[in-house]
């Protein structure tokens, strides 16, 4: 799942990931993302933009029994702070 409120970033990331063979479900806000994760637990990972309220979404993912171990990669400009917040990895802007 690709979660970001920046449409240009979603377009770029979606193109790169699809080129590498990933099937992408794109979401433009955190609430939609957490709602989908409650219904569909088949996602292999979440690529999450930190600028939207990314930390709240990350905390909700980590706080749910159903998604606590789901890998989350943060798209951010603050680097390793994302790891301290509970992300599995990060991609710098």
Protein backbone atom coordinates (compact mmCIF):
# COMPACT_ATOMS: atom_id res chain seq x y z
CA UNK A 1 0.00 0.00 0.00
CA UNK A 2 1.28 3.45 -0.94
CA UNK A 3 -0.01 6.17 1.41
CA UNK A 4 0.82 9.80 0.68
CA UNK A 5 -1.12 13.04 0.30
CA UNK A 6 1.36 14.29 -2.32
CA UNK A 7 -0.09 13.25 -5.67
CA UNK A 8 3.19 13.79 -7.55
CA UNK A 9 5.09 11.65 -5.04
CA UNK A 10 2.47 8.89 -5.34
CA UNK A 11 2.71 8.95 -9.13
CA UNK A 12 6.50 8.70 -9.08
CA UNK A 13 6.63 5.99 -6.42
CA UNK A 14 3.83 4.01 -8.03
CA UNK A 15 5.65 4.08 -11.38
CA UNK A 16 8.91 2.91 -9.82
CA UNK A 17 7.30 0.14 -7.79
CA UNK A 18 5.12 -1.13 -10.64
CA UNK A 19 8.16 -1.17 -12.92
CA UNK A 20 9.75 -3.54 -10.39
CA UNK A 21 6.69 -5.78 -10.45
CA UNK A 22 4.82 -4.64 -7.34
CA UNK A 23 1.04 -4.38 -7.37
CA UNK A 24 0.22 -1.05 -5.71
CA UNK A 25 -2.88 0.09 -3.86
CA UNK A 26 -2.69 3.88 -3.63
CA UNK A 27 -4.28 5.90 -0.80
CA UNK A 28 -4.19 9.67 -0.31
CA UNK A 29 -4.79 9.92 3.44
CA UNK A 30 -4.09 8.05 6.65
CA UNK A 31 -7.68 7.36 7.65
CA UNK A 32 -8.38 5.61 4.35
CA UNK A 33 -5.20 3.59 4.81
CA UNK A 34 -6.05 2.38 8.31
CA UNK A 35 -9.63 1.61 7.24
CA UNK A 36 -8.37 -0.54 4.35
CA UNK A 37 -5.86 -2.32 6.58
CA UNK A 38 -8.68 -3.30 8.95
CA UNK A 39 -10.57 -4.94 6.08
CA UNK A 40 -7.72 -6.34 3.95
CA UNK A 41 -4.73 -7.86 5.70
CA UNK A 42 -3.07 -9.17 2.54
CA UNK A 43 -0.72 -6.20 2.14
CA UNK A 44 2.98 -7.06 2.11
CA UNK A 45 4.16 -3.62 3.18
CA UNK A 46 3.13 0.02 3.57
CA UNK A 47 5.09 2.90 2.03
CA UNK A 48 3.97 5.88 4.10
CA UNK A 49 4.58 9.60 3.55
CA UNK A 50 5.49 11.13 6.88
CA UNK A 51 4.29 14.67 6.08
CA UNK A 52 0.56 13.92 6.14
CA UNK A 53 -0.01 12.72 9.70
CA UNK A 54 2.27 9.80 8.99
CA UNK A 55 3.32 9.21 12.58
CA UNK A 56 -0.31 8.83 13.66
CA UNK A 57 -0.88 6.27 10.92
CA UNK A 58 2.32 4.45 11.88
CA UNK A 59 1.23 4.38 15.53
CA UNK A 60 -2.17 2.97 14.53
CA UNK A 61 -0.54 0.29 12.39
CA UNK A 62 1.86 -0.68 15.20
CA UNK A 63 -0.94 -0.52 17.79
CA UNK A 64 -3.21 -3.04 16.08
CA UNK A 65 -2.75 -6.77 16.63
CA UNK A 66 -3.64 -7.37 12.97
CA UNK A 67 -1.00 -5.02 11.53
CA UNK A 68 1.67 -4.68 14.23
CA UNK A 69 4.22 -6.72 12.27
CA UNK A 70 3.35 -5.31 8.83
CA UNK A 71 6.53 -3.79 7.37
CA UNK A 72 6.28 0.01 7.12
CA UNK A 73 8.69 2.13 5.10
CA UNK A 74 8.53 5.89 5.68
CA UNK A 75 9.11 8.50 2.98
CA UNK A 76 10.72 11.37 4.86
CA UNK A 77 13.40 14.03 4.97
CA UNK A 78 14.25 13.35 8.64
CA UNK A 79 15.95 10.03 8.04
CA UNK A 80 16.62 7.79 10.99
CA UNK A 81 14.02 9.53 13.18
CA UNK A 82 11.51 7.39 11.28
CA UNK A 83 13.18 4.26 12.67
CA UNK A 84 12.91 5.57 16.21
CA UNK A 85 9.20 6.19 15.57
CA UNK A 86 8.68 2.50 14.73
CA UNK A 87 9.19 2.28 10.97
CA UNK A 88 11.06 -0.70 9.54
CA UNK A 89 13.01 1.49 7.14
CA UNK A 90 12.87 4.86 5.41
CA UNK A 91 13.43 6.50 2.03
CA UNK A 92 14.71 10.04 2.10
CA UNK A 93 12.97 12.66 -0.07
